[in-house]
Amino acid sequence: MSETKWTAGPWRVETTAGLDGLPDHHVFSHGRRIAQVNWQSELPSGEREAFSNASLMAAAPELYQALAKWQDVMTKSPQGPRSELIDARETARAALAKARGE
């Protein structure tokens, strides 16, 4: 696998009160903010959607790793050793849960 060029994971979402009193969602990695997700308060789903977008961003490193692991296991053998397939599946499941904000 080639070297990645993005900020190393893990990434996490932090929600704080903004200056306007509305929640702001930030994505952090190793104590450094790497993204801020803004939202439009006039949209009824705006805050929920903003948090969901931040969660998806924060899951990006795990989603990448899960897909790379799955590709590696499937390249070795589509049936693969059962333990490797189970591990790849669980890695993918955890990354998808994080992307959903769970």
C-alpha atoms as a PDB file:
ATOM      1  CA  MET A   1       0.000   0.000   0.000  1.00  0.00           C
ATOM      2  CA  SER A   2       1.397   3.393  -0.922  1.00  0.00           C
ATOM      3  CA  GLU A   3       1.997   6.021   1.727  1.00  0.00           C
ATOM      4  CA  THR A   4      -0.967   8.252   2.511  1.00  0.00           C
ATOM      5  CA  LYS A   5      -0.661  12.028   2.405  1.00  0.00           C
ATOM      6  CA  TRP A   6      -3.504  13.056   4.703  1.00  0.00           C
ATOM      7  CA  THR A   7      -3.458  13.754   8.427  1.00  0.00           C
ATOM      8  CA  ALA A   8      -2.940  10.534  10.345  1.00  0.00           C
ATOM      9  CA  GLY A   9      -5.904   9.103  12.255  1.00  0.00           C
ATOM     10  CA  PRO A  10      -7.685   8.541  14.402  1.00  0.00           C
ATOM     11  CA  TRP A  11      -9.967  11.491  13.823  1.00  0.00           C
ATOM     12  CA  ARG A  12     -12.775  12.443  16.192  1.00  0.00           C
ATOM     13  CA  VAL A  13     -15.711  14.854  16.293  1.00  0.00           C
ATOM     14  CA  GLU A  14     -16.032  17.473  19.012  1.00  0.00           C
ATOM     15  CA  THR A  15     -19.126  19.609  19.347  1.00  0.00           C
ATOM     16  CA  THR A  16     -18.875  22.983  21.043  1.00  0.00           C
ATOM     17  CA  ALA A  17     -21.173  25.958  21.495  1.00  0.00           C
ATOM     18  CA  GLY A  18     -20.495  28.518  18.817  1.00  0.00           C
ATOM     19  CA  LEU A  19     -20.471  32.270  19.323  1.00  0.00           C
ATOM     20  CA  ASP A  20     -24.107  32.339  18.235  1.00  0.00           C
ATOM     21  CA  GLY A  21     -24.982  29.703  20.859  1.00  0.00           C
ATOM     22  CA  LEU A  22     -25.572  27.051  18.205  1.00  0.00           C
ATOM     23  CA  PRO A  23     -23.458  23.876  18.129  1.00  0.00           C
ATOM     24  CA  ASP A  24     -20.301  23.838  16.023  1.00  0.00           C
ATOM     25  CA  HIS A  25     -18.852  20.502  14.911  1.00  0.00           C
ATOM     26  CA  HIS A  26     -15.091  20.106  14.544  1.00  0.00           C
ATOM     27  CA  VAL A  27     -12.956  17.182  13.390  1.00  0.00           C
ATOM     28  CA  PHE A  28      -9.727  16.747  15.379  1.00  0.00           C
ATOM     29  CA  SER A  29      -6.652  14.573  14.963  1.00  0.00           C
ATOM     30  CA  HIS A  30      -3.960  14.362  17.632  1.00  0.00           C
ATOM     31  CA  GLY A  31      -5.140  17.549  19.350  1.00  0.00           C
ATOM     32  CA  ARG A  32      -5.262  19.553  16.126  1.00  0.00           C
ATOM     33  CA  ARG A  33      -8.455  20.745  14.429  1.00  0.00           C
ATOM     34  CA  ILE A  34      -8.443  19.640  10.816  1.00  0.00           C
ATOM     35  CA  ALA A  35     -12.011  20.556   9.831  1.00  0.00           C
ATOM     36  CA  GLN A  36     -15.036  22.545  10.931  1.00  0.00           C
ATOM     37  CA  VAL A  37     -18.483  21.687   9.651  1.00  0.00           C
ATOM     38  CA  ASN A  38     -20.837  24.626   9.287  1.00  0.00           C
ATOM     39  CA  TRP A  39     -24.567  24.360   8.927  1.00  0.00           C
ATOM     40  CA  GLN A  40     -27.535  26.529   8.116  1.00  0.00           C
ATOM     41  CA  SER A  41     -29.791  27.046  11.120  1.00  0.00           C
ATOM     42  CA  GLU A  42     -32.812  27.790   8.947  1.00  0.00           C
ATOM     43  CA  LEU A  43     -32.862  24.202   7.672  1.00  0.00           C
ATOM     44  CA  PRO A  44     -34.733  21.839  10.029  1.00  0.00           C
ATOM     45  CA  SER A  45     -32.224  19.024   9.482  1.00  0.00           C
ATOM     46  CA  GLY A  46     -29.199  21.348   9.411  1.00  0.00           C
ATOM     47  CA  GLU A  47     -27.621  20.540  12.780  1.00  0.00           C
ATOM     48  CA  ARG A  48     -28.235  16.797  12.499  1.00  0.00           C
ATOM     49  CA  GLU A  49     -26.874  16.816   8.949  1.00  0.00           C
ATOM     50  CA  ALA A  50     -23.794  18.802  10.005  1.00  0.00           C
ATOM     51  CA  PHE A  51     -23.028  16.311  12.784  1.00  0.00           C
ATOM     52  CA  SER A  52     -23.514  13.426  10.338  1.00  0.00           C
ATOM     53  CA  ASN A  53     -21.140  15.059   7.857  1.00  0.00           C
ATOM     54  CA  ALA A  54     -18.527  15.568  10.588  1.00  0.00           C
ATOM     55  CA  SER A  55     -18.916  11.930  11.679  1.00  0.00           C
ATOM     56  CA  LEU A  56     -18.399  10.727   8.120  1.00  0.00           C
ATOM     57  CA  MET A  57     -15.259  12.864   7.812  1.00  0.00           C
ATOM     58  CA  ALA A  58     -13.918  11.615  11.147  1.00  0.00           C
ATOM     59  CA  ALA A  59     -14.381   8.017  10.001  1.00  0.00           C
ATOM     60  CA  ALA A  60     -12.375   8.545   6.793  1.00  0.00           C
ATOM     61  CA  PRO A  61      -9.089   7.035   8.064  1.00  0.00           C
ATOM     62  CA  GLU A  62     -10.877   3.939   9.417  1.00  0.00           C
ATOM     63  CA  LEU A  63     -12.934   3.576   6.238  1.00  0.00           C
ATOM     64  CA  TYR A  64      -9.749   3.738   4.187  1.00  0.00           C
ATOM     65  CA  GLN A  65      -8.032   1.145   6.394  1.00  0.00           C
ATOM     66  CA  ALA A  66     -11.046  -1.156   6.297  1.00  0.00           C
ATOM     67  CA  LEU A  67     -11.243  -1.024   2.520  1.00  0.00           C
ATOM     68  CA  ALA A  68      -7.474  -1.528   2.160  1.00  0.00           C
ATOM     69  CA  LYS A  69      -7.625  -4.517   4.539  1.00  0.00           C
ATOM     70  CA  TRP A  70     -10.554  -6.016   2.651  1.00  0.00           C
ATOM     71  CA  GLN A  71      -8.723  -5.559  -0.654  1.00  0.00           C
ATOM     72  CA  ASP A  72      -5.613  -7.220   0.778  1.00  0.00           C
ATOM     73  CA  VAL A  73      -7.549 -10.213   2.141  1.00  0.00           C
ATOM     74  CA  MET A  74      -9.526 -10.651  -1.080  1.00  0.00           C
ATOM     75  CA  THR A  75      -6.379 -10.390  -3.209  1.00  0.00           C
ATOM     76  CA  LYS A  76      -4.739 -13.207  -1.248  1.00  0.00           C
ATOM     77  CA  SER A  77      -7.736 -15.491  -1.674  1.00  0.00           C
ATOM     78  CA  PRO A  78     -11.432 -14.737  -2.128  1.00  0.00           C
ATOM     79  CA  GLN A  79     -12.154 -17.422   0.480  1.00  0.00           C
ATOM     80  CA  GLY A  80      -9.168 -16.399   2.589  1.00  0.00           C
ATOM     81  CA  PRO A  81      -8.341 -17.704   6.030  1.00  0.00           C
ATOM     82  CA  ARG A  82     -11.523 -17.417   8.080  1.00  0.00           C
ATOM     83  CA  SER A  83      -9.838 -15.358  10.819  1.00  0.00           C
ATOM     84  CA  GLU A  84      -8.622 -12.744   8.294  1.00  0.00           C
ATOM     85  CA  LEU A  85     -12.060 -12.476   6.708  1.00  0.00           C
ATOM     86  CA  ILE A  86     -13.707 -12.048  10.113  1.00  0.00           C
ATOM     87  CA  ASP A  87     -11.130  -9.412  11.102  1.00  0.00           C
ATOM     88  CA  ALA A  88     -11.633  -7.501   7.825  1.00  0.00           C
ATOM     89  CA  ARG A  89     -15.410  -7.654   8.286  1.00  0.00           C
ATOM     90  CA  GLU A  90     -15.208  -6.363  11.873  1.00  0.00           C
ATOM     91  CA  THR A  91     -12.844  -3.550  10.848  1.00  0.00           C
ATOM     92  CA  ALA A  92     -15.312  -2.508   8.154  1.00  0.00           C
ATOM     93  CA  ARG A  93     -18.274  -2.759  10.545  1.00  0.00           C
ATOM     94  CA  ALA A  94     -16.558  -0.517  13.122  1.00  0.00           C
ATOM     95  CA  ALA A  95     -15.574   2.060  10.495  1.00  0.00           C
ATOM     96  CA  LEU A  96     -19.117   2.198   9.114  1.00  0.00           C
ATOM     97  CA  ALA A  97     -20.559   2.628  12.624  1.00  0.00           C
ATOM     98  CA  LYS A  98     -18.179   5.525  13.250  1.00  0.00           C
ATOM     99  CA  ALA A  99     -19.189   7.079   9.929  1.00  0.00           C
ATOM    100  CA  ARG A 100     -22.821   6.939  11.093  1.00  0.00           C
ATOM    101  CA  GLY A 101     -21.847   8.709  14.334  1.00  0.00           C
ATOM    102  CA  GLU A 102     -22.466   5.664  16.538  1.00  0.00           C
END
